[in-house]
C-alpha atoms as a PDB file:
ATOM      1  CA  MET A   1       0.152 -67.850  96.842  1.00  0.00           C
ATOM      2  CA  TYR A   2       2.171 -64.535  95.496  1.00  0.00           C
ATOM      3  CA  ASP A   3       4.845 -65.747  92.339  1.00  0.00           C
ATOM      4  CA  LYS A   4       7.546 -63.279  92.673  1.00  0.00           C
ATOM      5  CA  THR A   5       9.351 -64.839  89.177  1.00  0.00           C
ATOM      6  CA  ARG A   6       6.291 -64.718  87.323  1.00  0.00           C
ATOM      7  CA  PHE A   7       5.472 -60.866  88.241  1.00  0.00           C
ATOM      8  CA  LEU A   8       8.546 -59.977  87.538  1.00  0.00           C
ATOM      9  CA  LEU A   9       8.667 -61.750  84.201  1.00  0.00           C
ATOM     10  CA  TYR A  10       5.199 -60.005  83.378  1.00  0.00           C
ATOM     11  CA  LEU A  11       6.728 -56.308  84.091  1.00  0.00           C
ATOM     12  CA  GLN A  12       9.928 -57.714  81.440  1.00  0.00           C
ATOM     13  CA  GLN A  13       7.457 -58.549  79.104  1.00  0.00           C
ATOM     14  CA  LYS A  14       5.552 -55.198  79.175  1.00  0.00           C
ATOM     15  CA  LYS A  15       8.133 -53.318  79.182  1.00  0.00           C
ATOM     16  CA  SER A  16       9.493 -55.100  75.981  1.00  0.00           C
ATOM     17  CA  VAL A  17       6.446 -54.178  74.327  1.00  0.00           C
ATOM     18  CA  ALA A  18       6.347 -50.972  75.278  1.00  0.00           C
ATOM     19  CA  LYS A  19      10.168 -50.735  73.829  1.00  0.00           C
ATOM     20  CA  HIS A  20       8.702 -51.949  70.577  1.00  0.00           C
ATOM     21  CA  LYS A  21       6.142 -49.797  70.338  1.00  0.00           C
ATOM     22  CA  LEU A  22       8.070 -46.876  70.688  1.00  0.00           C
ATOM     23  CA  GLN A  23      10.799 -47.713  68.261  1.00  0.00           C
ATOM     24  CA  LEU A  24       7.919 -48.751  65.627  1.00  0.00           C
ATOM     25  CA  TYR A  25       6.243 -45.145  66.235  1.00  0.00           C
ATOM     26  CA  SER A  26       9.863 -43.252  66.360  1.00  0.00           C
ATOM     27  CA  GLU A  27      10.742 -44.987  63.021  1.00  0.00           C
ATOM     28  CA  SER A  28       6.894 -44.443  61.510  1.00  0.00           C
ATOM     29  CA  THR A  29       7.777 -41.022  62.053  1.00  0.00           C
ATOM     30  CA  GLU A  30      10.894 -41.273  59.449  1.00  0.00           C
ATOM     31  CA  PHE A  31       7.825 -41.724  56.715  1.00  0.00           C
ATOM     32  CA  ASP A  32       6.220 -38.401  55.352  1.00  0.00           C
ATOM     33  CA  THR A  33       3.697 -40.882  53.779  1.00  0.00           C
ATOM     34  CA  ILE A  34       2.120 -42.062  56.853  1.00  0.00           C
ATOM     35  CA  ILE A  35       0.201 -39.507  58.811  1.00  0.00           C
ATOM     36  CA  GLN A  36      -0.885 -39.621  62.295  1.00  0.00           C
ATOM     37  CA  PRO A  37      -3.280 -36.945  63.534  1.00  0.00           C
ATOM     38  CA  THR A  38      -3.384 -36.789  67.751  1.00  0.00           C
ATOM     39  CA  LEU A  39      -6.384 -37.648  68.894  1.00  0.00           C
ATOM     40  CA  GLU A  40      -7.457 -33.746  69.306  1.00  0.00           C
ATOM     41  CA  GLU A  41      -7.044 -33.767  65.274  1.00  0.00           C
ATOM     42  CA  GLN A  42      -9.405 -36.727  64.611  1.00  0.00           C
ATOM     43  CA  LEU A  43     -12.061 -35.635  66.600  1.00  0.00           C
ATOM     44  CA  GLY A  44     -12.404 -32.525  64.757  1.00  0.00           C
ATOM     45  CA  LYS A  45      -9.366 -30.091  64.112  1.00  0.00           C
ATOM     46  CA  PHE A  46      -7.774 -32.614  61.608  1.00  0.00           C
ATOM     47  CA  PRO A  47      -4.830 -30.376  59.520  1.00  0.00           C
ATOM     48  CA  PHE A  48      -5.324 -31.706  56.089  1.00  0.00           C
ATOM     49  CA  GLN A  49      -8.653 -32.056  55.915  1.00  0.00           C
ATOM     50  CA  GLY A  50      -9.994 -30.879  52.554  1.00  0.00           C
ATOM     51  CA  THR A  51      -6.872 -29.965  50.962  1.00  0.00           C
ATOM     52  CA  TRP A  52      -5.273 -33.744  50.587  1.00  0.00           C
ATOM     53  CA  ASN A  53      -5.019 -33.067  47.156  1.00  0.00           C
ATOM     54  CA  THR A  54      -2.941 -30.053  47.244  1.00  0.00           C
ATOM     55  CA  GLU A  55      -0.973 -30.664  50.499  1.00  0.00           C
ATOM     56  CA  ILE A  56      -0.492 -34.461  50.398  1.00  0.00           C
ATOM     57  CA  PHE A  57      -0.533 -35.707  46.894  1.00  0.00           C
ATOM     58  CA  HIS A  58      -0.024 -32.068  44.750  1.00  0.00           C
ATOM     59  CA  ASN A  59      -2.482 -33.397  42.369  1.00  0.00           C
ATOM     60  CA  ASN A  60      -6.041 -33.451  41.561  1.00  0.00           C
ATOM     61  CA  ASN A  61      -6.268 -37.366  40.746  1.00  0.00           C
ATOM     62  CA  PRO A  62      -9.192 -39.127  42.542  1.00  0.00           C
ATOM     63  CA  ILE A  63      -8.934 -40.318  46.322  1.00  0.00           C
ATOM     64  CA  VAL A  64      -9.580 -43.513  47.111  1.00  0.00           C
ATOM     65  CA  LEU A  65      -9.805 -44.687  50.861  1.00  0.00           C
ATOM     66  CA  GLU A  66      -9.326 -48.754  51.907  1.00  0.00           C
ATOM     67  CA  LEU A  67     -10.468 -48.980  55.710  1.00  0.00           C
ATOM     68  CA  GLY A  68      -9.176 -51.446  58.016  1.00  0.00           C
ATOM     69  CA  CYS A  69      -6.449 -51.526  55.538  1.00  0.00           C
ATOM     70  CA  GLY A  70      -4.049 -53.527  57.922  1.00  0.00           C
ATOM     71  CA  LYS A  71      -0.422 -53.156  55.610  1.00  0.00           C
ATOM     72  CA  ALA A  72      -2.058 -52.014  53.283  1.00  0.00           C
ATOM     73  CA  GLU A  73      -1.553 -54.892  50.960  1.00  0.00           C
ATOM     74  CA  TYR A  74      -4.625 -54.204  48.530  1.00  0.00           C
ATOM     75  CA  SER A  75      -4.154 -50.584  48.382  1.00  0.00           C
ATOM     76  CA  LEU A  76      -0.371 -51.331  47.355  1.00  0.00           C
ATOM     77  CA  MET A  77      -1.465 -53.481  44.091  1.00  0.00           C
ATOM     78  CA  LEU A  78      -4.357 -50.735  43.244  1.00  0.00           C
ATOM     79  CA  ALA A  79      -2.106 -47.704  43.634  1.00  0.00           C
ATOM     80  CA  GLN A  80       0.742 -50.085  41.004  1.00  0.00           C
ATOM     81  CA  GLN A  81      -2.085 -50.682  38.546  1.00  0.00           C
ATOM     82  CA  HIS A  82      -3.612 -47.289  38.958  1.00  0.00           C
ATOM     83  CA  PRO A  83      -1.069 -44.419  39.069  1.00  0.00           C
ATOM     84  CA  GLU A  84      -4.321 -42.113  37.947  1.00  0.00           C
ATOM     85  CA  LYS A  85      -5.566 -42.446  41.353  1.00  0.00           C
ATOM     86  CA  ASN A  86      -4.148 -41.329  44.959  1.00  0.00           C
ATOM     87  CA  PHE A  87      -4.911 -44.213  47.680  1.00  0.00           C
ATOM     88  CA  ILE A  88      -4.996 -43.370  51.481  1.00  0.00           C
ATOM     89  CA  GLY A  89      -5.074 -46.750  53.649  1.00  0.00           C
ATOM     90  CA  VAL A  90      -6.081 -46.177  56.642  1.00  0.00           C
ATOM     91  CA  ASP A  91      -5.708 -48.423  60.391  1.00  0.00           C
ATOM     92  CA  ILE A  92      -4.970 -47.869  63.553  1.00  0.00           C
ATOM     93  CA  LYS A  93      -2.258 -50.313  63.829  1.00  0.00           C
ATOM     94  CA  GLY A  94       0.972 -48.346  63.925  1.00  0.00           C
ATOM     95  CA  ASP A  95       3.032 -51.625  63.172  1.00  0.00           C
ATOM     96  CA  ARG A  96       0.577 -52.566  60.357  1.00  0.00           C
ATOM     97  CA  ILE A  97       0.501 -49.062  58.220  1.00  0.00           C
ATOM     98  CA  LEU A  98       4.097 -48.927  58.707  1.00  0.00           C
ATOM     99  CA  ARG A  99       5.056 -52.524  56.561  1.00  0.00           C
ATOM    100  CA  GLY A 100       2.949 -51.012  54.215  1.00  0.00           C
ATOM    101  CA  ALA A 101       4.810 -47.687  54.152  1.00  0.00           C
ATOM    102  CA  ARG A 102       8.284 -49.511  53.832  1.00  0.00           C
ATOM    103  CA  GLU A 103       7.011 -51.670  50.527  1.00  0.00           C
ATOM    104  CA  ALA A 104       5.687 -48.264  49.259  1.00  0.00           C
ATOM    105  CA  LYS A 105       9.529 -46.847  49.850  1.00  0.00           C
ATOM    106  CA  GLU A 106      10.864 -49.614  48.258  1.00  0.00           C
ATOM    107  CA  LYS A 107       9.215 -50.451  45.111  1.00  0.00           C
ATOM    108  CA  ASN A 108       8.620 -46.637  44.739  1.00  0.00           C
ATOM    109  CA  ILE A 109       4.788 -46.333  44.788  1.00  0.00           C
ATOM    110  CA  SER A 110       4.482 -42.387  44.932  1.00  0.00           C
ATOM    111  CA  ASN A 111       0.727 -42.228  44.970  1.00  0.00           C
ATOM    112  CA  ILE A 112      -0.279 -43.616  48.324  1.00  0.00           C
ATOM    113  CA  ARG A 113      -0.074 -42.678  51.762  1.00  0.00           C
ATOM    114  CA  PHE A 114      -1.327 -44.160  54.951  1.00  0.00           C
ATOM    115  CA  LEU A 115      -3.440 -42.454  57.988  1.00  0.00           C
ATOM    116  CA  ARG A 116      -2.979 -43.583  61.088  1.00  0.00           C
ATOM    117  CA  MET A 117      -7.120 -42.778  63.279  1.00  0.00           C
ATOM    118  CA  GLN A 118      -9.650 -44.537  64.318  1.00  0.00           C
ATOM    119  CA  ILE A 119     -12.267 -45.163  61.619  1.00  0.00           C
ATOM    120  CA  GLU A 120     -14.932 -44.151  63.528  1.00  0.00           C
ATOM    121  CA  GLN A 121     -13.581 -40.342  63.594  1.00  0.00           C
ATOM    122  CA  ILE A 122     -12.709 -40.747  59.435  1.00  0.00           C
ATOM    123  CA  HIS A 123     -15.643 -37.653  58.513  1.00  0.00           C
ATOM    124  CA  ASN A 124     -13.128 -35.417  60.777  1.00  0.00           C
ATOM    125  CA  ALA A 125     -10.551 -36.224  58.272  1.00  0.00           C
ATOM    126  CA  PHE A 126     -11.884 -35.223  55.016  1.00  0.00           C
ATOM    127  CA  SER A 127     -14.027 -32.751  53.806  1.00  0.00           C
ATOM    128  CA  GLU A 128     -17.423 -33.376  51.917  1.00  0.00           C
ATOM    129  CA  ASN A 129     -16.849 -34.646  48.335  1.00  0.00           C
ATOM    130  CA  GLU A 130     -12.818 -35.354  48.898  1.00  0.00           C
ATOM    131  CA  ILE A 131     -13.319 -38.932  48.412  1.00  0.00           C
ATOM    132  CA  LYS A 132     -14.036 -41.238  45.093  1.00  0.00           C
ATOM    133  CA  GLU A 133     -14.036 -44.295  45.714  1.00  0.00           C
ATOM    134  CA  ILE A 134     -13.711 -46.232  49.332  1.00  0.00           C
ATOM    135  CA  TRP A 135     -12.677 -50.318  49.870  1.00  0.00           C
ATOM    136  CA  ILE A 136     -13.159 -52.233  52.684  1.00  0.00           C
ATOM    137  CA  THR A 137     -11.505 -55.175  52.117  1.00  0.00           C
ATOM    138  CA  PHE A 138     -11.788 -58.641  54.255  1.00  0.00           C
ATOM    139  CA  PRO A 139     -13.081 -56.507  57.968  1.00  0.00           C
ATOM    140  CA  ASP A 140     -13.645 -58.297  61.099  1.00  0.00           C
ATOM    141  CA  PRO A 141     -17.365 -59.490  60.526  1.00  0.00           C
ATOM    142  CA  GLN A 142     -18.067 -58.428  64.813  1.00  0.00           C
ATOM    143  CA  PRO A 143     -20.904 -61.207  64.437  1.00  0.00           C
ATOM    144  CA  HIS A 144     -22.286 -59.911  67.478  1.00  0.00           C
ATOM    145  CA  LYS A 145     -22.199 -56.406  67.796  1.00  0.00           C
ATOM    146  CA  LYS A 146     -23.661 -55.659  64.287  1.00  0.00           C
ATOM    147  CA  ARG A 147     -23.347 -51.076  64.911  1.00  0.00           C
ATOM    148  CA  LYS A 148     -19.343 -52.107  64.797  1.00  0.00           C
ATOM    149  CA  ARG A 149     -19.125 -53.321  61.076  1.00  0.00           C
ATOM    150  CA  LEU A 150     -17.943 -51.158  58.969  1.00  0.00           C
ATOM    151  CA  THR A 151     -21.045 -51.216  56.670  1.00  0.00           C
ATOM    152  CA  SER A 152     -23.404 -50.899  59.319  1.00  0.00           C
ATOM    153  CA  GLU A 153     -26.013 -47.616  58.968  1.00  0.00           C
ATOM    154  CA  GLN A 154     -23.275 -45.782  61.813  1.00  0.00           C
ATOM    155  CA  PHE A 155     -20.627 -45.857  59.640  1.00  0.00           C
ATOM    156  CA  LEU A 156     -22.037 -45.697  55.945  1.00  0.00           C
ATOM    157  CA  ASN A 157     -23.941 -41.942  57.211  1.00  0.00           C
ATOM    158  CA  LYS A 158     -19.913 -41.032  57.937  1.00  0.00           C
ATOM    159  CA  TYR A 159     -18.612 -41.984  54.567  1.00  0.00           C
ATOM    160  CA  LYS A 160     -21.565 -40.104  53.235  1.00  0.00           C
ATOM    161  CA  LYS A 161     -20.084 -37.158  54.653  1.00  0.00           C
ATOM    162  CA  ILE A 162     -16.878 -37.299  52.812  1.00  0.00           C
ATOM    163  CA  LEU A 163     -17.944 -39.464  49.706  1.00  0.00           C
ATOM    164  CA  ILE A 164     -18.649 -37.703  45.814  1.00  0.00           C
ATOM    165  CA  LYS A 165     -22.396 -38.005  45.083  1.00  0.00           C
ATOM    166  CA  GLU A 166     -21.088 -40.624  42.123  1.00  0.00           C
ATOM    167  CA  GLY A 167     -18.671 -42.274  44.857  1.00  0.00           C
ATOM    168  CA  PHE A 168     -18.712 -46.010  45.626  1.00  0.00           C
ATOM    169  CA  ILE A 169     -18.254 -48.731  48.602  1.00  0.00           C
ATOM    170  CA  ASN A 170     -16.790 -52.013  47.560  1.00  0.00           C
ATOM    171  CA  LEU A 171     -16.707 -54.252  49.975  1.00  0.00           C
ATOM    172  CA  LYS A 172     -14.576 -57.910  49.752  1.00  0.00           C
ATOM    173  CA  THR A 173     -15.463 -60.329  52.072  1.00  0.00           C
ATOM    174  CA  ASP A 174     -14.972 -64.367  52.743  1.00  0.00           C
ATOM    175  CA  SER A 175     -17.963 -63.841  55.598  1.00  0.00           C
ATOM    176  CA  THR A 176     -20.955 -65.021  54.719  1.00  0.00           C
ATOM    177  CA  LEU A 177     -22.563 -62.908  57.864  1.00  0.00           C
ATOM    178  CA  PHE A 178     -20.906 -59.941  56.824  1.00  0.00           C
ATOM    179  CA  TYR A 179     -22.079 -60.214  53.109  1.00  0.00           C
ATOM    180  CA  GLU A 180     -25.314 -60.780  53.649  1.00  0.00           C
ATOM    181  CA  SER A 181     -25.345 -58.093  56.502  1.00  0.00           C
ATOM    182  CA  THR A 182     -24.447 -55.326  54.171  1.00  0.00           C
ATOM    183  CA  LEU A 183     -27.419 -56.465  51.671  1.00  0.00           C
ATOM    184  CA  GLU A 184     -29.812 -55.837  54.005  1.00  0.00           C
ATOM    185  CA  THR A 185     -28.319 -52.459  55.321  1.00  0.00           C
ATOM    186  CA  ILE A 186     -28.291 -51.299  51.591  1.00  0.00           C
ATOM    187  CA  LYS A 187     -32.316 -52.515  51.521  1.00  0.00           C
ATOM    188  CA  GLU A 188     -33.185 -50.965  54.938  1.00  0.00           C
ATOM    189  CA  MET A 189     -31.283 -47.562  53.712  1.00  0.00           C
ATOM    190  CA  ASN A 190     -32.765 -47.180  50.565  1.00  0.00           C
ATOM    191  CA  LEU A 191     -29.192 -47.090  48.745  1.00  0.00           C
ATOM    192  CA  GLN A 192     -28.405 -47.645  45.292  1.00  0.00           C
ATOM    193  CA  LEU A 193     -26.706 -51.656  44.798  1.00  0.00           C
ATOM    194  CA  LEU A 194     -24.366 -51.445  41.973  1.00  0.00           C
ATOM    195  CA  TYR A 195     -23.404 -55.117  42.020  1.00  0.00           C
ATOM    196  CA  SER A 196     -23.058 -58.022  44.447  1.00  0.00           C
ATOM    197  CA  SER A 197     -21.423 -61.772  44.112  1.00  0.00           C
ATOM    198  CA  SER A 198     -21.623 -64.597  46.515  1.00  0.00           C
ATOM    199  CA  ASP A 199     -18.679 -65.909  44.806  1.00  0.00           C
ATOM    200  CA  ILE A 200     -16.575 -63.480  42.165  1.00  0.00           C
ATOM    201  CA  TYR A 201     -13.997 -65.870  41.335  1.00  0.00           C
ATOM    202  CA  ASN A 202     -16.412 -68.294  39.941  1.00  0.00           C
ATOM    203  CA  ASP A 203     -19.455 -66.083  38.143  1.00  0.00           C
ATOM    204  CA  GLY A 204     -17.350 -64.147  35.302  1.00  0.00           C
ATOM    205  CA  THR A 205     -16.148 -61.063  37.532  1.00  0.00           C
ATOM    206  CA  THR A 206     -14.040 -58.878  36.498  1.00  0.00           C
ATOM    207  CA  GLY A 207     -12.203 -55.480  37.183  1.00  0.00           C
ATOM    208  CA  ASP A 208      -9.902 -54.628  40.280  1.00  0.00           C
ATOM    209  CA  VAL A 209     -12.051 -56.934  42.820  1.00  0.00           C
ATOM    210  CA  VAL A 210     -10.454 -60.099  41.145  1.00  0.00           C
ATOM    211  CA  ASN A 211      -7.299 -58.200  39.603  1.00  0.00           C
ATOM    212  CA  ALA A 212      -5.836 -57.992  43.104  1.00  0.00           C
ATOM    213  CA  LYS A 213      -5.571 -60.435  45.539  1.00  0.00           C
ATOM    214  CA  THR A 214      -4.161 -60.279  48.971  1.00  0.00           C
ATOM    215  CA  TYR A 215      -1.603 -63.052  50.839  1.00  0.00           C
ATOM    216  CA  TYR A 216      -4.770 -64.297  53.108  1.00  0.00           C
ATOM    217  CA  GLU A 217      -7.111 -64.373  50.297  1.00  0.00           C
ATOM    218  CA  ARG A 218      -4.839 -66.721  48.389  1.00  0.00           C
ATOM    219  CA  LYS A 219      -4.650 -68.809  50.920  1.00  0.00           C
ATOM    220  CA  TRP A 220      -8.815 -68.824  51.727  1.00  0.00           C
ATOM    221  CA  LEU A 221      -9.464 -69.826  48.102  1.00  0.00           C
ATOM    222  CA  LYS A 222      -6.853 -72.573  48.631  1.00  0.00           C
ATOM    223  CA  GLU A 223      -8.815 -73.789  51.287  1.00  0.00           C
ATOM    224  CA  GLY A 224     -12.192 -73.644  49.173  1.00  0.00           C
ATOM    225  CA  LEU A 225     -13.585 -70.151  50.807  1.00  0.00           C
ATOM    226  CA  ASP A 226     -15.872 -68.426  48.157  1.00  0.00           C
ATOM    227  CA  ILE A 227     -15.304 -64.644  48.015  1.00  0.00           C
ATOM    228  CA  LYS A 228     -18.075 -62.254  48.228  1.00  0.00           C
ATOM    229  CA  TYR A 229     -18.042 -59.012  47.187  1.00  0.00           C
ATOM    230  CA  VAL A 230     -20.860 -55.774  47.159  1.00  0.00           C
ATOM    231  CA  LYS A 231     -20.235 -52.321  45.348  1.00  0.00           C
ATOM    232  CA  PHE A 232     -22.737 -50.048  46.097  1.00  0.00           C
ATOM    233  CA  LYS A 233     -23.704 -46.282  46.504  1.00  0.00           C
ATOM    234  CA  LEU A 234     -24.867 -43.586  49.399  1.00  0.00           C
ATOM    235  CA  HIS A 235     -25.925 -41.041  47.309  1.00  0.00           C
ATOM    236  CA  GLN A 236     -29.072 -41.255  44.764  1.00  0.00           C
END
């Protein structure tokens, strides 16, 4: 039976969601730290490709990406700890990176930017040898879609196009599946494994990987989950 009341409620909710998204987009355009390329730009006509240092950061400091950054909690912490580096948080969710941009403004963190785009097109946003380092922090493990994991061969080949020869990738995860899958891919592609740990907080691991903890990471640690880490290079 047709339920008119339920249908009208559905339309009202849909309209409310659309209005909220429009408000978020409008606010995000007010932040010069948020770059939102069009679909055409993402597919190969990106305006800042090769000029991030000169046009966006106005310095020659190395650029570090955080892929699937959410509200860029990790990048914000690293940016504060490393003023000698430039950081870019990449995510497709506009509301998430808007929260990161707000925090950066409140804390006057000047060495960070936010890029809203699909990670599948990340190789179009940067030129060869433009990126020094990549962080992938607590990504979706995609248990039934190996090719969609951010450390699958498909994605690694995209990152290879933009990383400098000495550059490297950092993976931080609570997922045993993602951790083991990444190590397997590294071996299959004959890549250089620099470091790996299945429990970074109990094996003496040092550096940024343990010095910066996100909200959910602290929560997972309280729940007794082990945090895993892999560092590797794409170029021989």
